[in-house]
Amino acid sequence: MKKKVIISIGIAILLFIGSIFTFRISERNDHEREGEALILKIEAYKKKNDSLPETIKDIDHSNVEMGEGPYYEKITDTDYRIYFNIGFDKQLIFSSKTGKWEDEP
């Protein structure tokens, strides 16, 4: 009887951990997809105006920078970054310099 309870608890814990892992992967994919849409808008703006937008409002009036993001930051005249706040102390950041998404603690 004790063996069945221990096995049941073990399975429940594994299912819980698996669901958290799946949720995090799904959340990251959602952020990257949303960020890629913003990157396309930024690059279209850059091509049309021969410069980067100063703020996100220059390209997307519906986007209100609150919560997780996406946030846009112009670094130089040629470089920018897009980022999402994840939790209290983590960010998912896209750098136009590297062209990659990276987690930053």
PDB file of N, CA and C in Angstrom:
ATOM      1  N   MET A   1       0.814  -1.188   0.000  1.00  0.00           N
ATOM      2  CA  MET A   1       0.000   0.000   0.000  1.00  0.00           C
ATOM      3  C   MET A   1       0.866   1.263   0.000  1.00  0.00           C
ATOM      4  N   LYS A   2       1.889   1.294   0.864  1.00  0.00           N
ATOM      5  CA  LYS A   2       2.778   2.446   0.933  1.00  0.00           C
ATOM      6  C   LYS A   2       3.513   2.646  -0.391  1.00  0.00           C
ATOM      7  N   LYS A   3       3.848   1.534  -1.023  1.00  0.00           N
ATOM      8  CA  LYS A   3       4.566   1.590  -2.285  1.00  0.00           C
ATOM      9  C   LYS A   3       3.722   2.292  -3.356  1.00  0.00           C
ATOM     10  N   LYS A   4       2.422   1.990  -3.394  1.00  0.00           N
ATOM     11  CA  LYS A   4       1.521   2.608  -4.368  1.00  0.00           C
ATOM     12  C   LYS A   4       1.399   4.114  -4.128  1.00  0.00           C
ATOM     13  N   VAL A   5       1.327   4.505  -2.882  1.00  0.00           N
ATOM     14  CA  VAL A   5       1.217   5.931  -2.535  1.00  0.00           C
ATOM     15  C   VAL A   5       2.490   6.669  -2.946  1.00  0.00           C
ATOM     16  N   ILE A   6       3.628   6.081  -2.663  1.00  0.00           N
ATOM     17  CA  ILE A   6       4.909   6.699  -3.019  1.00  0.00           C
ATOM     18  C   ILE A   6       5.046   6.807  -4.529  1.00  0.00           C
ATOM     19  N   ILE A   7       4.651   5.767  -5.236  1.00  0.00           N
ATOM     20  CA  ILE A   7       4.711   5.800  -6.703  1.00  0.00           C
ATOM     21  C   ILE A   7       3.752   6.856  -7.247  1.00  0.00           C
ATOM     22  N   SER A   8       2.555   6.937  -6.685  1.00  0.00           N
ATOM     23  CA  SER A   8       1.572   7.940  -7.127  1.00  0.00           C
ATOM     24  C   SER A   8       2.085   9.357  -6.888  1.00  0.00           C
ATOM     25  N   ILE A   9       2.683   9.588  -5.748  1.00  0.00           N
ATOM     26  CA  ILE A   9       3.244  10.906  -5.435  1.00  0.00           C
ATOM     27  C   ILE A   9       4.394  11.223  -6.389  1.00  0.00           C
ATOM     28  N   GLY A  10       5.230  10.246  -6.654  1.00  0.00           N
ATOM     29  CA  GLY A  10       6.346  10.432  -7.586  1.00  0.00           C
ATOM     30  C   GLY A  10       5.865  10.781  -8.979  1.00  0.00           C
ATOM     31  N   ILE A  11       4.845  10.089  -9.445  1.00  0.00           N
ATOM     32  CA  ILE A  11       4.280  10.374 -10.777  1.00  0.00           C
ATOM     33  C   ILE A  11       3.679  11.780 -10.806  1.00  0.00           C
ATOM     34  N   ALA A  12       2.978  12.161  -9.746  1.00  0.00           N
ATOM     35  CA  ALA A  12       2.370  13.500  -9.674  1.00  0.00           C
ATOM     36  C   ALA A  12       3.450  14.579  -9.721  1.00  0.00           C
ATOM     37  N   ILE A  13       4.537  14.360  -9.014  1.00  0.00           N
ATOM     38  CA  ILE A  13       5.634  15.333  -9.014  1.00  0.00           C
ATOM     39  C   ILE A  13       6.254  15.433 -10.400  1.00  0.00           C
ATOM     40  N   LEU A  14       6.482  14.304 -11.053  1.00  0.00           N
ATOM     41  CA  LEU A  14       7.050  14.318 -12.406  1.00  0.00           C
ATOM     42  C   LEU A  14       6.121  15.023 -13.396  1.00  0.00           C
ATOM     43  N   LEU A  15       4.829  14.782 -13.292  1.00  0.00           N
ATOM     44  CA  LEU A  15       3.868  15.461 -14.167  1.00  0.00           C
ATOM     45  C   LEU A  15       3.872  16.973 -13.925  1.00  0.00           C
ATOM     46  N   PHE A  16       3.964  17.361 -12.673  1.00  0.00           N
ATOM     47  CA  PHE A  16       4.000  18.791 -12.326  1.00  0.00           C
ATOM     48  C   PHE A  16       5.250  19.449 -12.904  1.00  0.00           C
ATOM     49  N   ILE A  17       6.387  18.833 -12.718  1.00  0.00           N
ATOM     50  CA  ILE A  17       7.648  19.379 -13.252  1.00  0.00           C
ATOM     51  C   ILE A  17       7.599  19.429 -14.776  1.00  0.00           C
ATOM     52  N   GLY A  18       7.074  18.401 -15.387  1.00  0.00           N
ATOM     53  CA  GLY A  18       6.952  18.377 -16.851  1.00  0.00           C
ATOM     54  C   GLY A  18       6.051  19.481 -17.366  1.00  0.00           C
ATOM     55  N   SER A  19       4.949  19.746 -16.666  1.00  0.00           N
ATOM     56  CA  SER A  19       4.041  20.807 -17.118  1.00  0.00           C
ATOM     57  C   SER A  19       4.685  22.181 -16.970  1.00  0.00           C
ATOM     58  N   ILE A  20       5.460  22.400 -15.928  1.00  0.00           N
ATOM     59  CA  ILE A  20       6.173  23.682 -15.758  1.00  0.00           C
ATOM     60  C   ILE A  20       7.181  23.861 -16.883  1.00  0.00           C
ATOM     61  N   PHE A  21       7.933  22.828 -17.190  1.00  0.00           N
ATOM     62  CA  PHE A  21       8.933  22.880 -18.260  1.00  0.00           C
ATOM     63  C   PHE A  21       8.266  23.189 -19.598  1.00  0.00           C
ATOM     64  N   THR A  22       7.154  22.509 -19.882  1.00  0.00           N
ATOM     65  CA  THR A  22       6.414  22.733 -21.128  1.00  0.00           C
ATOM     66  C   THR A  22       5.889  24.161 -21.194  1.00  0.00           C
ATOM     67  N   PHE A  23       5.371  24.683 -20.094  1.00  0.00           N
ATOM     68  CA  PHE A  23       4.858  26.051 -20.052  1.00  0.00           C
ATOM     69  C   PHE A  23       5.966  27.049 -20.347  1.00  0.00           C
ATOM     70  N   ARG A  24       7.133  26.857 -19.781  1.00  0.00           N
ATOM     71  CA  ARG A  24       8.249  27.790 -20.008  1.00  0.00           C
ATOM     72  C   ARG A  24       8.707  27.792 -21.460  1.00  0.00           C
ATOM     73  N   ILE A  25       8.765  26.643 -22.069  1.00  0.00           N
ATOM     74  CA  ILE A  25       9.143  26.565 -23.481  1.00  0.00           C
ATOM     75  C   ILE A  25       8.094  27.263 -24.338  1.00  0.00           C
ATOM     76  N   SER A  26       6.836  27.016 -24.038  1.00  0.00           N
ATOM     77  CA  SER A  26       5.741  27.638 -24.782  1.00  0.00           C
ATOM     78  C   SER A  26       5.770  29.159 -24.622  1.00  0.00           C
ATOM     79  N   GLU A  27       6.019  29.628 -23.396  1.00  0.00           N
ATOM     80  CA  GLU A  27       6.076  31.067 -23.131  1.00  0.00           C
ATOM     81  C   GLU A  27       7.226  31.708 -23.909  1.00  0.00           C
ATOM     82  N   ARG A  28       8.373  31.072 -23.913  1.00  0.00           N
ATOM     83  CA  ARG A  28       9.526  31.601 -24.653  1.00  0.00           C
ATOM     84  C   ARG A  28       9.222  31.672 -26.146  1.00  0.00           C
ATOM     85  N   ASN A  29       8.611  30.629 -26.691  1.00  0.00           N
ATOM     86  CA  ASN A  29       8.254  30.628 -28.106  1.00  0.00           C
ATOM     87  C   ASN A  29       7.270  31.755 -28.427  1.00  0.00           C
ATOM     88  N   ASP A  30       6.304  31.984 -27.551  1.00  0.00           N
ATOM     89  CA  ASP A  30       5.347  33.077 -27.742  1.00  0.00           C
ATOM     90  C   ASP A  30       6.055  34.422 -27.748  1.00  0.00           C
ATOM     91  N   HIS A  31       6.974  34.615 -26.810  1.00  0.00           N
ATOM     92  CA  HIS A  31       7.728  35.874 -26.747  1.00  0.00           C
ATOM     93  C   HIS A  31       8.565  36.073 -28.009  1.00  0.00           C
ATOM     94  N   GLU A  32       9.240  35.036 -28.441  1.00  0.00           N
ATOM     95  CA  GLU A  32      10.069  35.148 -29.639  1.00  0.00           C
ATOM     96  C   GLU A  32       9.216  35.456 -30.870  1.00  0.00           C
ATOM     97  N   ARG A  33       8.056  34.832 -30.973  1.00  0.00           N
ATOM     98  CA  ARG A  33       7.158  35.073 -32.109  1.00  0.00           C
ATOM     99  C   ARG A  33       6.670  36.536 -32.101  1.00  0.00           C
ATOM    100  N   GLU A  34       6.290  37.017 -30.937  1.00  0.00           N
ATOM    101  CA  GLU A  34       5.858  38.409 -30.804  1.00  0.00           C
ATOM    102  C   GLU A  34       7.010  39.370 -31.090  1.00  0.00           C
ATOM    103  N   GLY A  35       8.190  39.018 -30.624  1.00  0.00           N
ATOM    104  CA  GLY A  35       9.381  39.832 -30.876  1.00  0.00           C
ATOM    105  C   GLY A  35       9.756  39.857 -32.347  1.00  0.00           C
ATOM    106  N   GLU A  36       9.635  38.722 -33.024  1.00  0.00           N
ATOM    107  CA  GLU A  36       9.953  38.664 -34.454  1.00  0.00           C
ATOM    108  C   GLU A  36       9.025  39.568 -35.260  1.00  0.00           C
ATOM    109  N   ALA A  37       7.764  39.650 -34.860  1.00  0.00           N
ATOM    110  CA  ALA A  37       6.823  40.554 -35.538  1.00  0.00           C
ATOM    111  C   ALA A  37       7.271  42.002 -35.369  1.00  0.00           C
ATOM    112  N   LEU A  38       7.752  42.342 -34.179  1.00  0.00           N
ATOM    113  CA  LEU A  38       8.250  43.696 -33.931  1.00  0.00           C
ATOM    114  C   LEU A  38       9.537  43.953 -34.713  1.00  0.00           C
ATOM    115  N   ILE A  39      10.406  42.968 -34.804  1.00  0.00           N
ATOM    116  CA  ILE A  39      11.646  43.106 -35.577  1.00  0.00           C
ATOM    117  C   ILE A  39      11.328  43.422 -37.033  1.00  0.00           C
ATOM    118  N   LEU A  40      10.342  42.741 -37.598  1.00  0.00           N
ATOM    119  CA  LEU A  40       9.941  43.010 -38.985  1.00  0.00           C
ATOM    120  C   LEU A  40       9.478  44.455 -39.154  1.00  0.00           C
ATOM    121  N   LYS A  41       8.719  44.960 -38.182  1.00  0.00           N
ATOM    122  CA  LYS A  41       8.254  46.355 -38.241  1.00  0.00           C
ATOM    123  C   LYS A  41       9.433  47.328 -38.141  1.00  0.00           C
ATOM    124  N   ILE A  42      10.376  47.022 -37.266  1.00  0.00           N
ATOM    125  CA  ILE A  42      11.554  47.882 -37.099  1.00  0.00           C
ATOM    126  C   ILE A  42      12.377  47.903 -38.379  1.00  0.00           C
ATOM    127  N   GLU A  43      12.599  46.736 -38.953  1.00  0.00           N
ATOM    128  CA  GLU A  43      13.403  46.658 -40.175  1.00  0.00           C
ATOM    129  C   GLU A  43      12.693  47.342 -41.350  1.00  0.00           C
ATOM    130  N   ALA A  44      11.377  47.241 -41.424  1.00  0.00           N
ATOM    131  CA  ALA A  44      10.623  47.936 -42.477  1.00  0.00           C
ATOM    132  C   ALA A  44      10.724  49.451 -42.288  1.00  0.00           C
ATOM    133  N   TYR A  45      10.632  49.910 -41.044  1.00  0.00           N
ATOM    134  CA  TYR A  45      10.781  51.332 -40.735  1.00  0.00           C
ATOM    135  C   TYR A  45      12.178  51.806 -41.132  1.00  0.00           C
ATOM    136  N   LYS A  46      13.182  51.006 -40.785  1.00  0.00           N
ATOM    137  CA  LYS A  46      14.576  51.342 -41.091  1.00  0.00           C
ATOM    138  C   LYS A  46      14.789  51.459 -42.607  1.00  0.00           C
ATOM    139  N   LYS A  47      14.216  50.539 -43.346  1.00  0.00           N
ATOM    140  CA  LYS A  47      14.354  50.552 -44.798  1.00  0.00           C
ATOM    141  C   LYS A  47      13.657  51.777 -45.402  1.00  0.00           C
ATOM    142  N   LYS A  48      12.487  52.104 -44.890  1.00  0.00           N
ATOM    143  CA  LYS A  48      11.698  53.220 -45.419  1.00  0.00           C
ATOM    144  C   LYS A  48      12.294  54.579 -45.042  1.00  0.00           C
ATOM    145  N   ASN A  49      12.789  54.710 -43.809  1.00  0.00           N
ATOM    146  CA  ASN A  49      13.245  55.999 -43.285  1.00  0.00           C
ATOM    147  C   ASN A  49      14.763  56.147 -43.208  1.00  0.00           C
ATOM    148  N   ASP A  50      15.464  55.098 -43.524  1.00  0.00           N
ATOM    149  CA  ASP A  50      16.926  55.083 -43.474  1.00  0.00           C
ATOM    150  C   ASP A  50      17.464  55.385 -42.072  1.00  0.00           C
ATOM    151  N   SER A  51      16.677  55.031 -41.072  1.00  0.00           N
ATOM    152  CA  SER A  51      17.112  55.167 -39.680  1.00  0.00           C
ATOM    153  C   SER A  51      16.223  54.293 -38.806  1.00  0.00           C
ATOM    154  N   LEU A  52      16.700  54.026 -37.604  1.00  0.00           N
ATOM    155  CA  LEU A  52      15.900  53.252 -36.655  1.00  0.00           C
ATOM    156  C   LEU A  52      14.878  54.164 -35.984  1.00  0.00           C
ATOM    157  N   PRO A  53      13.757  53.607 -35.575  1.00  0.00           N
ATOM    158  CA  PRO A  53      12.802  54.415 -34.817  1.00  0.00           C
ATOM    159  C   PRO A  53      13.400  54.797 -33.462  1.00  0.00           C
ATOM    160  N   GLU A  54      13.016  55.958 -32.972  1.00  0.00           N
ATOM    161  CA  GLU A  54      13.508  56.398 -31.653  1.00  0.00           C
ATOM    162  C   GLU A  54      12.837  55.613 -30.535  1.00  0.00           C
ATOM    163  N   THR A  55      11.526  55.396 -30.690  1.00  0.00           N
ATOM    164  CA  THR A  55      10.765  54.647 -29.687  1.00  0.00           C
ATOM    165  C   THR A  55       9.853  53.660 -30.402  1.00  0.00           C
ATOM    166  N   ILE A  56       9.285  52.766 -29.643  1.00  0.00           N
ATOM    167  CA  ILE A  56       8.379  51.779 -30.205  1.00  0.00           C
ATOM    168  C   ILE A  56       7.114  52.445 -30.748  1.00  0.00           C
ATOM    169  N   LYS A  57       6.765  53.588 -30.206  1.00  0.00           N
ATOM    170  CA  LYS A  57       5.563  54.301 -30.649  1.00  0.00           C
ATOM    171  C   LYS A  57       5.705  54.824 -32.075  1.00  0.00           C
ATOM    172  N   ASP A  58       6.915  54.964 -32.566  1.00  0.00           N
ATOM    173  CA  ASP A  58       7.131  55.400 -33.950  1.00  0.00           C
ATOM    174  C   ASP A  58       6.677  54.352 -34.959  1.00  0.00           C
ATOM    175  N   ILE A  59       6.595  53.099 -34.518  1.00  0.00           N
ATOM    176  CA  ILE A  59       6.218  52.030 -35.450  1.00  0.00           C
ATOM    177  C   ILE A  59       4.945  51.298 -35.053  1.00  0.00           C
ATOM    178  N   ASP A  60       4.590  51.336 -33.782  1.00  0.00           N
ATOM    179  CA  ASP A  60       3.446  50.566 -33.316  1.00  0.00           C
ATOM    180  C   ASP A  60       2.711  51.349 -32.233  1.00  0.00           C
ATOM    181  N   HIS A  61       1.685  52.067 -32.651  1.00  0.00           N
ATOM    182  CA  HIS A  61       0.941  52.900 -31.700  1.00  0.00           C
ATOM    183  C   HIS A  61       0.086  52.073 -30.751  1.00  0.00           C
ATOM    184  N   SER A  62      -0.210  50.834 -31.111  1.00  0.00           N
ATOM    185  CA  SER A  62      -1.052  49.995 -30.260  1.00  0.00           C
ATOM    186  C   SER A  62      -0.261  49.348 -29.133  1.00  0.00           C
ATOM    187  N   ASN A  63       1.051  49.294 -29.280  1.00  0.00           N
ATOM    188  CA  ASN A  63       1.878  48.630 -28.282  1.00  0.00           C
ATOM    189  C   ASN A  63       2.109  49.561 -27.100  1.00  0.00           C
ATOM    190  N   VAL A  64       1.650  49.162 -25.956  1.00  0.00           N
ATOM    191  CA  VAL A  64       1.874  49.930 -24.736  1.00  0.00           C
ATOM    192  C   VAL A  64       2.900  49.166 -23.922  1.00  0.00           C
ATOM    193  N   GLU A  65       4.018  49.793 -23.661  1.00  0.00           N
ATOM    194  CA  GLU A  65       5.101  49.123 -22.940  1.00  0.00           C
ATOM    195  C   GLU A  65       4.740  48.974 -21.464  1.00  0.00           C
ATOM    196  N   MET A  66       4.183  47.852 -21.137  1.00  0.00           N
ATOM    197  CA  MET A  66       3.857  47.541 -19.749  1.00  0.00           C
ATOM    198  C   MET A  66       3.964  46.040 -19.575  1.00  0.00           C
ATOM    199  N   GLY A  67       4.173  45.617 -18.372  1.00  0.00           N
ATOM    200  CA  GLY A  67       4.212  44.188 -18.101  1.00  0.00           C
ATOM    201  C   GLY A  67       5.461  43.534 -18.651  1.00  0.00           C
ATOM    202  N   GLU A  68       5.272  42.428 -19.346  1.00  0.00           N
ATOM    203  CA  GLU A  68       6.387  41.638 -19.848  1.00  0.00           C
ATOM    204  C   GLU A  68       7.045  42.240 -21.075  1.00  0.00           C
ATOM    205  N   GLY A  69       6.326  42.985 -21.877  1.00  0.00           N
ATOM    206  CA  GLY A  69       6.892  43.566 -23.088  1.00  0.00           C
ATOM    207  C   GLY A  69       6.110  43.163 -24.299  1.00  0.00           C
ATOM    208  N   PRO A  70       6.627  43.354 -25.447  1.00  0.00           N
ATOM    209  CA  PRO A  70       8.029  43.625 -25.766  1.00  0.00           C
ATOM    210  C   PRO A  70       8.392  45.090 -25.565  1.00  0.00           C
ATOM    211  N   TYR A  71       9.620  45.287 -25.183  1.00  0.00           N
ATOM    212  CA  TYR A  71      10.200  46.619 -25.051  1.00  0.00           C
ATOM    213  C   TYR A  71      11.245  46.797 -26.153  1.00  0.00           C
ATOM    214  N   TYR A  72      11.375  48.013 -26.621  1.00  0.00           N
ATOM    215  CA  TYR A  72      12.340  48.348 -27.677  1.00  0.00           C
ATOM    216  C   TYR A  72      13.290  49.391 -27.131  1.00  0.00           C
ATOM    217  N   GLU A  73      14.568  49.212 -27.409  1.00  0.00           N
ATOM    218  CA  GLU A  73      15.565  50.187 -26.987  1.00  0.00           C
ATOM    219  C   GLU A  73      16.559  50.410 -28.123  1.00  0.00           C
ATOM    220  N   LYS A  74      16.645  51.644 -28.569  1.00  0.00           N
ATOM    221  CA  LYS A  74      17.629  52.000 -29.588  1.00  0.00           C
ATOM    222  C   LYS A  74      18.961  52.196 -28.877  1.00  0.00           C
ATOM    223  N   ILE A  75      19.966  51.432 -29.285  1.00  0.00           N
ATOM    224  CA  ILE A  75      21.281  51.490 -28.639  1.00  0.00           C
ATOM    225  C   ILE A  75      22.160  52.527 -29.343  1.00  0.00           C
ATOM    226  N   THR A  76      22.292  52.385 -30.656  1.00  0.00           N
ATOM    227  CA  THR A  76      23.040  53.349 -31.474  1.00  0.00           C
ATOM    228  C   THR A  76      22.204  53.626 -32.717  1.00  0.00           C
ATOM    229  N   ASP A  77      22.761  54.351 -33.648  1.00  0.00           N
ATOM    230  CA  ASP A  77      22.029  54.630 -34.886  1.00  0.00           C
ATOM    231  C   ASP A  77      21.803  53.374 -35.726  1.00  0.00           C
ATOM    232  N   THR A  78      22.554  52.309 -35.450  1.00  0.00           N
ATOM    233  CA  THR A  78      22.422  51.082 -36.236  1.00  0.00           C
ATOM    234  C   THR A  78      22.035  49.853 -35.415  1.00  0.00           C
ATOM    235  N   ASP A  79      22.075  49.943 -34.104  1.00  0.00           N
ATOM    236  CA  ASP A  79      21.807  48.787 -33.246  1.00  0.00           C
ATOM    237  C   ASP A  79      20.638  49.050 -32.297  1.00  0.00           C
ATOM    238  N   TYR A  80      19.906  47.983 -32.037  1.00  0.00           N
ATOM    239  CA  TYR A  80      18.786  48.063 -31.105  1.00  0.00           C
ATOM    240  C   TYR A  80      18.633  46.728 -30.397  1.00  0.00           C
ATOM    241  N   ARG A  81      17.796  46.736 -29.388  1.00  0.00           N
ATOM    242  CA  ARG A  81      17.469  45.488 -28.718  1.00  0.00           C
ATOM    243  C   ARG A  81      15.982  45.477 -28.396  1.00  0.00           C
ATOM    244  N   ILE A  82      15.440  44.295 -28.377  1.00  0.00           N
ATOM    245  CA  ILE A  82      14.062  44.066 -27.978  1.00  0.00           C
ATOM    246  C   ILE A  82      14.138  43.112 -26.796  1.00  0.00           C
ATOM    247  N   TYR A  83      13.334  43.371 -25.784  1.00  0.00           N
ATOM    248  CA  TYR A  83      13.395  42.482 -24.637  1.00  0.00           C
ATOM    249  C   TYR A  83      12.039  42.323 -23.966  1.00  0.00           C
ATOM    250  N   PHE A  84      11.923  41.218 -23.258  1.00  0.00           N
ATOM    251  CA  PHE A  84      10.759  40.879 -22.463  1.00  0.00           C
ATOM    252  C   PHE A  84      11.214  40.687 -21.028  1.00  0.00           C
ATOM    253  N   ASN A  85      10.459  41.200 -20.085  1.00  0.00           N
ATOM    254  CA  ASN A  85      10.716  40.921 -18.678  1.00  0.00           C
ATOM    255  C   ASN A  85      10.004  39.627 -18.322  1.00  0.00           C
ATOM    256  N   ILE A  86      10.754  38.706 -17.768  1.00  0.00           N
ATOM    257  CA  ILE A  86      10.199  37.416 -17.380  1.00  0.00           C
ATOM    258  C   ILE A  86      10.414  37.250 -15.890  1.00  0.00           C
ATOM    259  N   GLY A  87       9.345  37.242 -15.162  1.00  0.00           N
ATOM    260  CA  GLY A  87       9.455  37.158 -13.711  1.00  0.00           C
ATOM    261  C   GLY A  87       9.998  38.462 -13.154  1.00  0.00           C
ATOM    262  N   PHE A  88      10.670  38.365 -12.003  1.00  0.00           N
ATOM    263  CA  PHE A  88      11.166  39.560 -11.338  1.00  0.00           C
ATOM    264  C   PHE A  88      12.562  39.968 -11.780  1.00  0.00           C
ATOM    265  N   ASP A  89      13.365  39.007 -12.215  1.00  0.00           N
ATOM    266  CA  ASP A  89      14.771  39.328 -12.433  1.00  0.00           C
ATOM    267  C   ASP A  89      15.373  38.697 -13.682  1.00  0.00           C
ATOM    268  N   LYS A  90      14.554  38.337 -14.654  1.00  0.00           N
ATOM    269  CA  LYS A  90      15.073  37.687 -15.849  1.00  0.00           C
ATOM    270  C   LYS A  90      14.523  38.388 -17.081  1.00  0.00           C
ATOM    271  N   GLN A  91      15.321  38.407 -18.142  1.00  0.00           N
ATOM    272  CA  GLN A  91      14.887  39.004 -19.399  1.00  0.00           C
ATOM    273  C   GLN A  91      15.235  38.086 -20.559  1.00  0.00           C
ATOM    274  N   LEU A  92      14.392  38.132 -21.582  1.00  0.00           N
ATOM    275  CA  LEU A  92      14.672  37.490 -22.861  1.00  0.00           C
ATOM    276  C   LEU A  92      14.991  38.634 -23.809  1.00  0.00           C
ATOM    277  N   ILE A  93      16.209  38.658 -24.358  1.00  0.00           N
ATOM    278  CA  ILE A  93      16.701  39.813 -25.109  1.00  0.00           C
ATOM    279  C   ILE A  93      17.113  39.418 -26.518  1.00  0.00           C
ATOM    280  N   PHE A  94      16.658  40.235 -27.486  1.00  0.00           N
ATOM    281  CA  PHE A  94      17.125  40.110 -28.862  1.00  0.00           C
ATOM    282  C   PHE A  94      18.052  41.285 -29.131  1.00  0.00           C
ATOM    283  N   SER A  95      19.230  41.002 -29.646  1.00  0.00           N
ATOM    284  CA  SER A  95      20.186  42.040 -30.017  1.00  0.00           C
ATOM    285  C   SER A  95      20.303  42.074 -31.530  1.00  0.00           C
ATOM    286  N   SER A  96      20.137  43.253 -32.120  1.00  0.00           N
ATOM    287  CA  SER A  96      20.282  43.363 -33.574  1.00  0.00           C
ATOM    288  C   SER A  96      21.734  43.137 -33.996  1.00  0.00           C
ATOM    289  N   LYS A  97      22.656  43.333 -33.060  1.00  0.00           N
ATOM    290  CA  LYS A  97      24.074  43.112 -33.349  1.00  0.00           C
ATOM    291  C   LYS A  97      24.359  41.640 -33.628  1.00  0.00           C
ATOM    292  N   THR A  98      23.798  40.774 -32.781  1.00  0.00           N
ATOM    293  CA  THR A  98      24.052  39.342 -32.917  1.00  0.00           C
ATOM    294  C   THR A  98      22.962  38.633 -33.713  1.00  0.00           C
ATOM    295  N   GLY A  99      21.770  39.236 -33.742  1.00  0.00           N
ATOM    296  CA  GLY A  99      20.643  38.597 -34.412  1.00  0.00           C
ATOM    297  C   GLY A  99      20.105  37.392 -33.662  1.00  0.00           C
ATOM    298  N   LYS A 100      20.377  37.316 -32.351  1.00  0.00           N
ATOM    299  CA  LYS A 100      19.978  36.161 -31.561  1.00  0.00           C
ATOM    300  C   LYS A 100      19.183  36.581 -30.329  1.00  0.00           C
ATOM    301  N   TRP A 101      18.351  35.655 -29.879  1.00  0.00           N
ATOM    302  CA  TRP A 101      17.628  35.788 -28.609  1.00  0.00           C
ATOM    303  C   TRP A 101      18.469  35.139 -27.532  1.00  0.00           C
ATOM    304  N   GLU A 102      18.584  35.802 -26.382  1.00  0.00           N
ATOM    305  CA  GLU A 102      19.353  35.248 -25.273  1.00  0.00           C
ATOM    306  C   GLU A 102      18.633  35.515 -23.964  1.00  0.00           C
ATOM    307  N   ASP A 103      18.768  34.566 -23.038  1.00  0.00           N
ATOM    308  CA  ASP A 103      18.258  34.758 -21.685  1.00  0.00           C
ATOM    309  C   ASP A 103      19.306  35.506 -20.884  1.00  0.00           C
ATOM    310  N   GLU A 104      18.841  36.466 -20.105  1.00  0.00           N
ATOM    311  CA  GLU A 104      19.765  37.206 -19.256  1.00  0.00           C
ATOM    312  C   GLU A 104      19.211  37.235 -17.841  1.00  0.00           C
ATOM    313  N   PRO A 105      19.984  36.678 -16.919  1.00  0.00           N
ATOM    314  CA  PRO A 105      19.513  36.658 -15.517  1.00  0.00           C
ATOM    315  C   PRO A 105      19.561  38.034 -14.878  1.00  0.00           C
TER     316      PRO A 105
END
